[in-house]
């Protein structure tokens, strides 16, 4: 089955839920199922309207007595805040931020050909944080060694910074390709 986009009360995307969680929220009255026109439905109304559909992008749930669509989008009825989220400081996320490119030579490499480099080396007091760590290929990392980029004659091609968390960022591996059409207008994403 499919994923369901979860909106807050103000129609802002806050999460992606599996179909079971989405239906549970609608069944318990904590959320409303939304159709393509963003018309809200409580659980009984959703079952009634979607049971007549021939196709549903999210698939159907069937029992001996009922058959109804899994909603692609739901809206929470009470929650109006947007959760604050941080991007975890991990090797994987640093490689993703730098698009698997060496920050010194600019070449794209596979994960096993990349290292992390501290712009201001740790031996010289450089912190282990987003704005001091970059992706580096092994030859460039060895060449730079324990020097500043200027001292090694290797200027950075990118300025390291902490990335912002986005809902799209959690829709891996190919966020823009995997987004259901019904979500695109809600996420302001181009096809």
C-alpha atoms as a PDB file:
ATOM      1  CA  UNK A   1       0.000   0.000   0.000  1.00  0.00           C
ATOM      2  CA  UNK A   2       0.985   3.631  -0.170  1.00  0.00           C
ATOM      3  CA  UNK A   3       2.153   6.498   1.959  1.00  0.00           C
ATOM      4  CA  UNK A   4      -0.153   9.304   3.060  1.00  0.00           C
ATOM      5  CA  UNK A   5       0.765  12.971   3.312  1.00  0.00           C
ATOM      6  CA  UNK A   6      -0.245  14.433   6.679  1.00  0.00           C
ATOM      7  CA  UNK A   7      -1.229  18.101   6.813  1.00  0.00           C
ATOM      8  CA  UNK A   8      -1.767  20.178   9.918  1.00  0.00           C
ATOM      9  CA  UNK A   9      -5.010  22.064  10.539  1.00  0.00           C
ATOM     10  CA  UNK A  10      -3.704  24.952   8.402  1.00  0.00           C
ATOM     11  CA  UNK A  11      -3.027  22.674   5.389  1.00  0.00           C
ATOM     12  CA  UNK A  12       0.767  22.697   5.855  1.00  0.00           C
ATOM     13  CA  UNK A  13       2.600  19.396   5.346  1.00  0.00           C
ATOM     14  CA  UNK A  14       4.008  18.039   8.613  1.00  0.00           C
ATOM     15  CA  UNK A  15       4.676  14.329   8.020  1.00  0.00           C
ATOM     16  CA  UNK A  16       4.322  11.260   5.872  1.00  0.00           C
ATOM     17  CA  UNK A  17       2.474   8.312   7.420  1.00  0.00           C
ATOM     18  CA  UNK A  18       1.970   4.722   6.370  1.00  0.00           C
ATOM     19  CA  UNK A  19      -1.566   3.838   5.275  1.00  0.00           C
ATOM     20  CA  UNK A  20      -2.448   2.067   8.545  1.00  0.00           C
ATOM     21  CA  UNK A  21      -1.546   5.096  10.663  1.00  0.00           C
ATOM     22  CA  UNK A  22      -3.394   7.439   8.316  1.00  0.00           C
ATOM     23  CA  UNK A  23      -6.582   5.368   8.429  1.00  0.00           C
ATOM     24  CA  UNK A  24      -6.329   5.036  12.208  1.00  0.00           C
ATOM     25  CA  UNK A  25      -6.141   8.827  12.582  1.00  0.00           C
ATOM     26  CA  UNK A  26      -9.191   9.289  10.346  1.00  0.00           C
ATOM     27  CA  UNK A  27     -11.122   6.472  12.064  1.00  0.00           C
ATOM     28  CA  UNK A  28     -10.426   7.970  15.521  1.00  0.00           C
ATOM     29  CA  UNK A  29     -11.607  11.423  14.401  1.00  0.00           C
ATOM     30  CA  UNK A  30      -8.151  12.977  14.783  1.00  0.00           C
ATOM     31  CA  UNK A  31      -7.858  13.631  11.044  1.00  0.00           C
ATOM     32  CA  UNK A  32      -9.984  14.011   7.943  1.00  0.00           C
ATOM     33  CA  UNK A  33      -9.380  12.281   4.617  1.00  0.00           C
ATOM     34  CA  UNK A  34      -9.027  14.728   1.720  1.00  0.00           C
ATOM     35  CA  UNK A  35      -9.984  14.066  -1.884  1.00  0.00           C
ATOM     36  CA  UNK A  36      -8.307  15.637  -4.935  1.00  0.00           C
ATOM     37  CA  UNK A  37     -10.237  18.904  -4.418  1.00  0.00           C
ATOM     38  CA  UNK A  38      -9.166  18.917  -0.735  1.00  0.00           C
ATOM     39  CA  UNK A  39     -12.723  18.299   0.420  1.00  0.00           C
ATOM     40  CA  UNK A  40     -12.583  16.882   3.969  1.00  0.00           C
ATOM     41  CA  UNK A  41     -14.343  13.662   4.967  1.00  0.00           C
ATOM     42  CA  UNK A  42     -14.717  11.943   8.316  1.00  0.00           C
ATOM     43  CA  UNK A  43     -14.327   8.162   8.345  1.00  0.00           C
ATOM     44  CA  UNK A  44     -17.950   7.138   7.579  1.00  0.00           C
ATOM     45  CA  UNK A  45     -18.205   9.722   4.780  1.00  0.00           C
ATOM     46  CA  UNK A  46     -14.837   8.631   3.333  1.00  0.00           C
ATOM     47  CA  UNK A  47     -15.902   4.979   3.307  1.00  0.00           C
ATOM     48  CA  UNK A  48     -19.179   5.910   1.616  1.00  0.00           C
ATOM     49  CA  UNK A  49     -17.691   8.123  -1.102  1.00  0.00           C
ATOM     50  CA  UNK A  50     -14.581   6.072  -1.898  1.00  0.00           C
ATOM     51  CA  UNK A  51     -16.300   2.682  -1.901  1.00  0.00           C
ATOM     52  CA  UNK A  52     -17.776   3.535  -5.319  1.00  0.00           C
ATOM     53  CA  UNK A  53     -14.446   4.438  -6.911  1.00  0.00           C
ATOM     54  CA  UNK A  54     -13.027   2.158  -9.571  1.00  0.00           C
ATOM     55  CA  UNK A  55      -9.427   3.323  -9.062  1.00  0.00           C
ATOM     56  CA  UNK A  56      -7.548   4.913  -6.179  1.00  0.00           C
ATOM     57  CA  UNK A  57      -3.870   5.914  -6.428  1.00  0.00           C
ATOM     58  CA  UNK A  58      -3.295   4.807  -2.829  1.00  0.00           C
ATOM     59  CA  UNK A  59      -5.049   1.483  -3.289  1.00  0.00           C
ATOM     60  CA  UNK A  60      -8.015   0.024  -1.446  1.00  0.00           C
ATOM     61  CA  UNK A  61      -8.661  -1.618   1.906  1.00  0.00           C
ATOM     62  CA  UNK A  62     -11.092  -4.502   1.693  1.00  0.00           C
ATOM     63  CA  UNK A  63     -12.941  -6.628   4.190  1.00  0.00           C
ATOM     64  CA  UNK A  64     -15.886  -8.985   3.790  1.00  0.00           C
ATOM     65  CA  UNK A  65     -18.328  -6.066   4.096  1.00  0.00           C
ATOM     66  CA  UNK A  66     -16.381  -2.968   3.041  1.00  0.00           C
ATOM     67  CA  UNK A  67     -14.064  -1.719   0.333  1.00  0.00           C
ATOM     68  CA  UNK A  68     -12.752   1.835   0.455  1.00  0.00           C
ATOM     69  CA  UNK A  69      -9.781   3.873  -0.712  1.00  0.00           C
ATOM     70  CA  UNK A  70      -6.643   4.653   1.256  1.00  0.00           C
ATOM     71  CA  UNK A  71      -6.432   8.463   1.339  1.00  0.00           C
ATOM     72  CA  UNK A  72      -3.333   9.991  -0.245  1.00  0.00           C
ATOM     73  CA  UNK A  73      -3.701  13.097   1.927  1.00  0.00           C
ATOM     74  CA  UNK A  74      -5.163  13.618   5.394  1.00  0.00           C
ATOM     75  CA  UNK A  75      -5.527  16.743   7.521  1.00  0.00           C
ATOM     76  CA  UNK A  76      -5.218  16.759  11.296  1.00  0.00           C
ATOM     77  CA  UNK A  77      -8.246  18.452  12.855  1.00  0.00           C
ATOM     78  CA  UNK A  78      -6.578  20.005  15.905  1.00  0.00           C
ATOM     79  CA  UNK A  79      -2.829  20.254  15.351  1.00  0.00           C
ATOM     80  CA  UNK A  80      -1.747  23.565  13.799  1.00  0.00           C
ATOM     81  CA  UNK A  81       1.955  23.818  14.652  1.00  0.00           C
ATOM     82  CA  UNK A  82       4.807  22.862  12.389  1.00  0.00           C
ATOM     83  CA  UNK A  83       7.290  20.569  14.138  1.00  0.00           C
ATOM     84  CA  UNK A  84      10.861  21.801  14.392  1.00  0.00           C
ATOM     85  CA  UNK A  85      13.210  19.204  13.016  1.00  0.00           C
ATOM     86  CA  UNK A  86      16.955  19.063  12.709  1.00  0.00           C
ATOM     87  CA  UNK A  87      19.014  17.241  10.108  1.00  0.00           C
ATOM     88  CA  UNK A  88      21.162  14.657  11.888  1.00  0.00           C
ATOM     89  CA  UNK A  89      24.896  15.319  11.632  1.00  0.00           C
ATOM     90  CA  UNK A  90      25.931  12.046   9.978  1.00  0.00           C
ATOM     91  CA  UNK A  91      28.400  10.967   7.323  1.00  0.00           C
ATOM     92  CA  UNK A  92      25.516  10.014   5.015  1.00  0.00           C
ATOM     93  CA  UNK A  93      23.862  13.443   5.404  1.00  0.00           C
ATOM     94  CA  UNK A  94      27.122  15.314   4.798  1.00  0.00           C
ATOM     95  CA  UNK A  95      27.656  13.339   1.582  1.00  0.00           C
ATOM     96  CA  UNK A  96      24.038  14.094   0.593  1.00  0.00           C
ATOM     97  CA  UNK A  97      24.431  17.814   1.382  1.00  0.00           C
ATOM     98  CA  UNK A  98      27.565  17.963  -0.800  1.00  0.00           C
ATOM     99  CA  UNK A  99      25.913  15.812  -3.513  1.00  0.00           C
ATOM    100  CA  UNK A 100      28.708  13.226  -3.296  1.00  0.00           C
ATOM    101  CA  UNK A 101      31.170  15.729  -4.770  1.00  0.00           C
ATOM    102  CA  UNK A 102      34.618  16.510  -3.454  1.00  0.00           C
ATOM    103  CA  UNK A 103      34.554  20.037  -2.051  1.00  0.00           C
ATOM    104  CA  UNK A 104      38.096  20.651  -3.358  1.00  0.00           C
ATOM    105  CA  UNK A 105      38.268  19.164  -6.891  1.00  0.00           C
ATOM    106  CA  UNK A 106      34.512  19.051  -7.552  1.00  0.00           C
ATOM    107  CA  UNK A 107      34.506  15.467  -8.839  1.00  0.00           C
ATOM    108  CA  UNK A 108      31.514  13.273  -8.094  1.00  0.00           C
ATOM    109  CA  UNK A 109      32.537  10.006  -6.434  1.00  0.00           C
ATOM    110  CA  UNK A 110      30.925   6.936  -4.938  1.00  0.00           C
ATOM    111  CA  UNK A 111      30.491   6.766  -1.178  1.00  0.00           C
ATOM    112  CA  UNK A 112      33.408   4.375  -0.717  1.00  0.00           C
ATOM    113  CA  UNK A 113      35.745   6.828  -2.495  1.00  0.00           C
ATOM    114  CA  UNK A 114      34.838   9.742  -0.196  1.00  0.00           C
ATOM    115  CA  UNK A 115      36.016  10.921   3.195  1.00  0.00           C
ATOM    116  CA  UNK A 116      35.067  13.727   5.515  1.00  0.00           C
ATOM    117  CA  UNK A 117      37.488  16.627   5.878  1.00  0.00           C
ATOM    118  CA  UNK A 118      37.625  19.315   8.534  1.00  0.00           C
ATOM    119  CA  UNK A 119      38.191  22.682   6.819  1.00  0.00           C
ATOM    120  CA  UNK A 120      39.920  23.942   9.972  1.00  0.00           C
ATOM    121  CA  UNK A 121      41.702  20.744  11.053  1.00  0.00           C
ATOM    122  CA  UNK A 122      40.721  19.300  14.426  1.00  0.00           C
ATOM    123  CA  UNK A 123      44.376  19.378  15.458  1.00  0.00           C
ATOM    124  CA  UNK A 124      44.148  23.172  15.128  1.00  0.00           C
ATOM    125  CA  UNK A 125      40.938  23.498  17.114  1.00  0.00           C
ATOM    126  CA  UNK A 126      38.449  22.948  14.305  1.00  0.00           C
ATOM    127  CA  UNK A 127      35.027  21.809  15.515  1.00  0.00           C
ATOM    128  CA  UNK A 128      33.260  18.680  14.286  1.00  0.00           C
ATOM    129  CA  UNK A 129      30.105  20.445  13.028  1.00  0.00           C
ATOM    130  CA  UNK A 130      28.200  21.245   9.848  1.00  0.00           C
ATOM    131  CA  UNK A 131      30.087  24.424   8.880  1.00  0.00           C
ATOM    132  CA  UNK A 132      33.536  22.914   9.312  1.00  0.00           C
ATOM    133  CA  UNK A 133      33.117  19.478   7.723  1.00  0.00           C
ATOM    134  CA  UNK A 134      33.022  18.833   3.971  1.00  0.00           C
ATOM    135  CA  UNK A 135      33.059  15.884   1.590  1.00  0.00           C
ATOM    136  CA  UNK A 136      36.503  15.168   0.165  1.00  0.00           C
ATOM    137  CA  UNK A 137      37.869  12.521  -2.165  1.00  0.00           C
ATOM    138  CA  UNK A 138      40.787  10.551  -0.758  1.00  0.00           C
ATOM    139  CA  UNK A 139      43.507  12.116  -2.996  1.00  0.00           C
ATOM    140  CA  UNK A 140      42.393  15.653  -2.065  1.00  0.00           C
ATOM    141  CA  UNK A 141      42.097  14.735   1.614  1.00  0.00           C
ATOM    142  CA  UNK A 142      45.666  13.371   1.603  1.00  0.00           C
ATOM    143  CA  UNK A 143      46.959  16.403  -0.290  1.00  0.00           C
ATOM    144  CA  UNK A 144      45.297  18.909   2.084  1.00  0.00           C
ATOM    145  CA  UNK A 145      46.429  16.939   5.125  1.00  0.00           C
ATOM    146  CA  UNK A 146      46.605  19.066   8.287  1.00  0.00           C
ATOM    147  CA  UNK A 147      46.479  22.450   6.539  1.00  0.00           C
ATOM    148  CA  UNK A 148      43.920  25.141   5.870  1.00  0.00           C
ATOM    149  CA  UNK A 149      42.575  25.132   2.298  1.00  0.00           C
ATOM    150  CA  UNK A 150      44.529  28.340   1.463  1.00  0.00           C
ATOM    151  CA  UNK A 151      47.760  26.899   2.878  1.00  0.00           C
ATOM    152  CA  UNK A 152      47.334  23.784   0.727  1.00  0.00           C
ATOM    153  CA  UNK A 153      46.398  25.833  -2.352  1.00  0.00           C
ATOM    154  CA  UNK A 154      43.020  24.077  -2.470  1.00  0.00           C
ATOM    155  CA  UNK A 155      40.146  26.574  -2.278  1.00  0.00           C
ATOM    156  CA  UNK A 156      36.733  25.198  -1.380  1.00  0.00           C
ATOM    157  CA  UNK A 157      34.219  24.941  -4.217  1.00  0.00           C
ATOM    158  CA  UNK A 158      31.338  25.079  -1.700  1.00  0.00           C
ATOM    159  CA  UNK A 159      30.741  26.808   1.603  1.00  0.00           C
ATOM    160  CA  UNK A 160      29.757  24.231   4.229  1.00  0.00           C
ATOM    161  CA  UNK A 161      26.562  25.023   6.128  1.00  0.00           C
ATOM    162  CA  UNK A 162      23.958  23.235   8.181  1.00  0.00           C
ATOM    163  CA  UNK A 163      21.140  22.106   5.870  1.00  0.00           C
ATOM    164  CA  UNK A 164      17.517  22.847   6.676  1.00  0.00           C
ATOM    165  CA  UNK A 165      15.211  19.922   7.291  1.00  0.00           C
ATOM    166  CA  UNK A 166      12.478  19.604   4.692  1.00  0.00           C
ATOM    167  CA  UNK A 167       9.725  17.109   4.246  1.00  0.00           C
ATOM    168  CA  UNK A 168      11.042  16.476   0.739  1.00  0.00           C
ATOM    169  CA  UNK A 169      14.387  15.543   2.229  1.00  0.00           C
ATOM    170  CA  UNK A 170      12.815  12.567   3.927  1.00  0.00           C
ATOM    171  CA  UNK A 171      11.302  11.229   0.708  1.00  0.00           C
ATOM    172  CA  UNK A 172      14.375   9.366  -0.501  1.00  0.00           C
ATOM    173  CA  UNK A 173      15.832   8.009  -2.740  1.00  0.00           C
ATOM    174  CA  UNK A 174      14.441  10.268  -5.500  1.00  0.00           C
ATOM    175  CA  UNK A 175      12.186  12.821  -3.810  1.00  0.00           C
ATOM    176  CA  UNK A 176      10.903  14.634  -6.888  1.00  0.00           C
ATOM    177  CA  UNK A 177      10.222  11.412  -8.846  1.00  0.00           C
ATOM    178  CA  UNK A 178       8.483   9.560  -6.003  1.00  0.00           C
ATOM    179  CA  UNK A 179       6.015  12.263  -4.986  1.00  0.00           C
ATOM    180  CA  UNK A 180       2.393  11.387  -5.770  1.00  0.00           C
ATOM    181  CA  UNK A 181       0.682  13.892  -8.066  1.00  0.00           C
ATOM    182  CA  UNK A 182      -1.874  14.756  -5.380  1.00  0.00           C
ATOM    183  CA  UNK A 183       0.942  15.955  -3.070  1.00  0.00           C
ATOM    184  CA  UNK A 184       2.694  18.233  -5.556  1.00  0.00           C
ATOM    185  CA  UNK A 185       0.316  21.195  -5.259  1.00  0.00           C
ATOM    186  CA  UNK A 186       0.519  20.951  -1.462  1.00  0.00           C
ATOM    187  CA  UNK A 187       4.331  20.792  -1.397  1.00  0.00           C
ATOM    188  CA  UNK A 188       4.956  23.383  -4.143  1.00  0.00           C
ATOM    189  CA  UNK A 189       7.031  20.900  -6.147  1.00  0.00           C
ATOM    190  CA  UNK A 190       7.540  20.953  -9.873  1.00  0.00           C
ATOM    191  CA  UNK A 191       6.921  17.702 -11.685  1.00  0.00           C
END
